[in-house]
Amino acid sequence: MALTLSERAAAHISAFIAKRGKGLGVRLGVKTSGCSGMAYKLEFVDVANDDDLRFDSHGVSIFTDAKSLAYLDGTELDYGKEGLNEGFKFNNPNVKNECGCGESFNV
C-alpha cells in the first residue's frame, strides 16, 4: 500500500511549504461528496495525527488515514499546467468512474 507524488508535484509542494515557512507535508484523503460518491481532500499538514499513515515521495511526506487509503492505494498525485489552468491531478488506479464535472469519483 502506498501513495506517491510525481517529481513536479513534490517540487511544487516543497516550494509552497518553504514559502509558508512551516509544514510537515500534505494530507490526502477522501470525503463523501459529489454526484459520483467520493471527492478528494488535499491539505497541508503542520501536526501529524496519532493514527496517520505516512509515505515519503521525492523528499515530501504524504499523510492519510486508513479509511482513505482503502480508496487511494496506488494513487500518484501529479501537478501540471495546461494553458492557463494549473493544479493537482489524482492518478488513482482504483477509480471505476468519475462525474462529468470531474469533482467526484466512484471506486
Protein backbone atom coordinates (compact mmCIF):
# COMPACT_ATOMS: atom_id res chain seq x y z
CA MET A 1 0.00 0.00 0.00
CA ALA A 2 1.42 3.36 -0.97
CA LEU A 3 0.79 6.93 -2.07
CA THR A 4 3.30 8.77 -4.25
CA LEU A 5 3.99 12.18 -5.77
CA SER A 6 5.32 12.96 -9.20
CA GLU A 7 8.55 14.97 -9.22
CA ARG A 8 6.57 18.05 -10.37
CA ALA A 9 4.07 17.70 -7.51
CA ALA A 10 6.83 17.20 -4.95
CA ALA A 11 8.70 20.28 -6.20
CA HIS A 12 5.52 22.39 -6.10
CA ILE A 13 4.62 21.22 -2.59
CA SER A 14 8.18 21.73 -1.31
CA ALA A 15 8.27 25.26 -2.69
CA PHE A 16 4.88 26.07 -1.16
CA ILE A 17 5.89 24.69 2.26
CA ALA A 18 9.08 26.78 2.12
CA LYS A 19 7.04 29.86 1.23
CA ARG A 20 4.61 29.15 4.12
CA GLY A 21 7.54 28.77 6.49
CA LYS A 22 6.11 25.64 8.11
CA GLY A 23 4.65 22.25 7.31
CA LEU A 24 5.42 18.55 7.53
CA GLY A 25 3.91 17.63 4.17
CA VAL A 26 0.45 17.11 2.68
CA ARG A 27 -2.60 15.11 3.69
CA LEU A 28 -4.55 13.20 1.05
CA GLY A 29 -7.99 11.96 1.90
CA VAL A 30 -11.47 11.30 0.60
CA LYS A 31 -14.88 12.52 1.68
CA THR A 32 -18.41 11.59 0.69
CA SER A 33 -19.47 14.20 -1.83
CA GLY A 34 -20.49 14.94 -5.39
CA CYS A 35 -22.61 13.07 -7.86
CA SER A 36 -20.29 10.02 -8.06
CA GLY A 37 -19.92 9.48 -4.33
CA MET A 38 -16.38 10.44 -3.27
CA ALA A 39 -14.25 13.57 -3.56
CA TYR A 40 -10.56 14.15 -2.86
CA LYS A 41 -9.26 16.24 0.02
CA LEU A 42 -5.82 17.82 -0.08
CA GLU A 43 -4.38 19.96 2.70
CA PHE A 44 -1.06 20.90 4.25
CA VAL A 45 -0.05 19.16 7.47
CA ASP A 46 1.51 21.12 10.31
CA VAL A 47 0.92 18.47 13.01
CA ALA A 48 0.58 14.74 12.36
CA ASN A 49 -2.33 12.82 13.89
CA ASP A 50 -1.63 9.77 16.04
CA ASP A 51 -3.42 7.48 13.57
CA ASP A 52 -1.83 8.93 10.41
CA LEU A 53 -0.17 6.69 7.88
CA ARG A 54 2.90 8.34 6.35
CA PHE A 55 4.55 7.83 2.98
CA ASP A 56 7.60 9.68 1.64
CA SER A 57 7.98 10.51 -2.02
CA HIS A 58 10.69 12.69 -3.59
CA GLY A 59 11.52 14.18 -0.18
CA VAL A 60 7.92 15.11 0.70
CA SER A 61 5.79 13.38 3.34
CA ILE A 62 2.25 12.32 2.42
CA PHE A 63 -0.17 11.67 5.28
CA THR A 64 -3.50 9.85 5.14
CA ASP A 65 -5.86 7.86 7.35
CA ALA A 66 -6.56 4.13 7.00
CA LYS A 67 -10.11 4.66 5.70
CA SER A 68 -8.92 6.98 2.91
CA LEU A 69 -6.04 4.69 1.99
CA ALA A 70 -8.54 1.98 1.07
CA TYR A 71 -9.74 4.29 -1.75
CA LEU A 72 -6.38 5.89 -2.55
CA ASP A 73 -3.92 2.99 -2.50
CA GLY A 74 -1.61 3.24 -5.50
CA THR A 75 -2.53 6.88 -6.23
CA GLU A 76 0.05 9.26 -7.61
CA LEU A 77 -0.53 12.97 -7.08
CA ASP A 78 0.72 14.93 -10.09
CA TYR A 79 0.94 18.65 -10.78
CA GLY A 80 0.77 20.27 -14.17
CA LYS A 81 -0.15 23.23 -16.31
CA GLU A 82 -2.38 23.18 -19.37
CA GLY A 83 -2.79 26.57 -21.00
CA LEU A 84 -3.99 28.99 -18.34
CA ASN A 85 -5.01 26.17 -15.96
CA GLU A 86 -2.73 24.59 -13.42
CA GLY A 87 -3.26 22.28 -10.49
CA PHE A 88 -3.02 18.87 -8.94
CA LYS A 89 -4.24 15.71 -10.63
CA PHE A 90 -5.01 12.47 -8.81
CA ASN A 91 -3.90 9.43 -10.84
CA ASN A 92 -5.93 6.85 -8.92
CA PRO A 93 -5.92 3.27 -10.29
CA ASN A 94 -8.98 2.39 -8.15
CA VAL A 95 -11.42 4.76 -9.87
CA LYS A 96 -14.19 2.99 -11.75
CA ASN A 97 -15.91 6.17 -13.00
CA GLU A 98 -15.94 9.93 -12.50
CA CYS A 99 -18.67 12.51 -12.74
CA GLY A 100 -18.84 14.82 -15.75
CA CYS A 101 -17.56 17.82 -13.80
CA GLY A 102 -14.51 15.89 -12.60
CA GLU A 103 -15.08 16.74 -8.93
CA SER A 104 -16.05 13.29 -7.68
CA PHE A 105 -15.37 9.62 -8.36
CA ASN A 106 -16.51 6.11 -7.52
CA VAL A 107 -14.43 3.00 -6.76
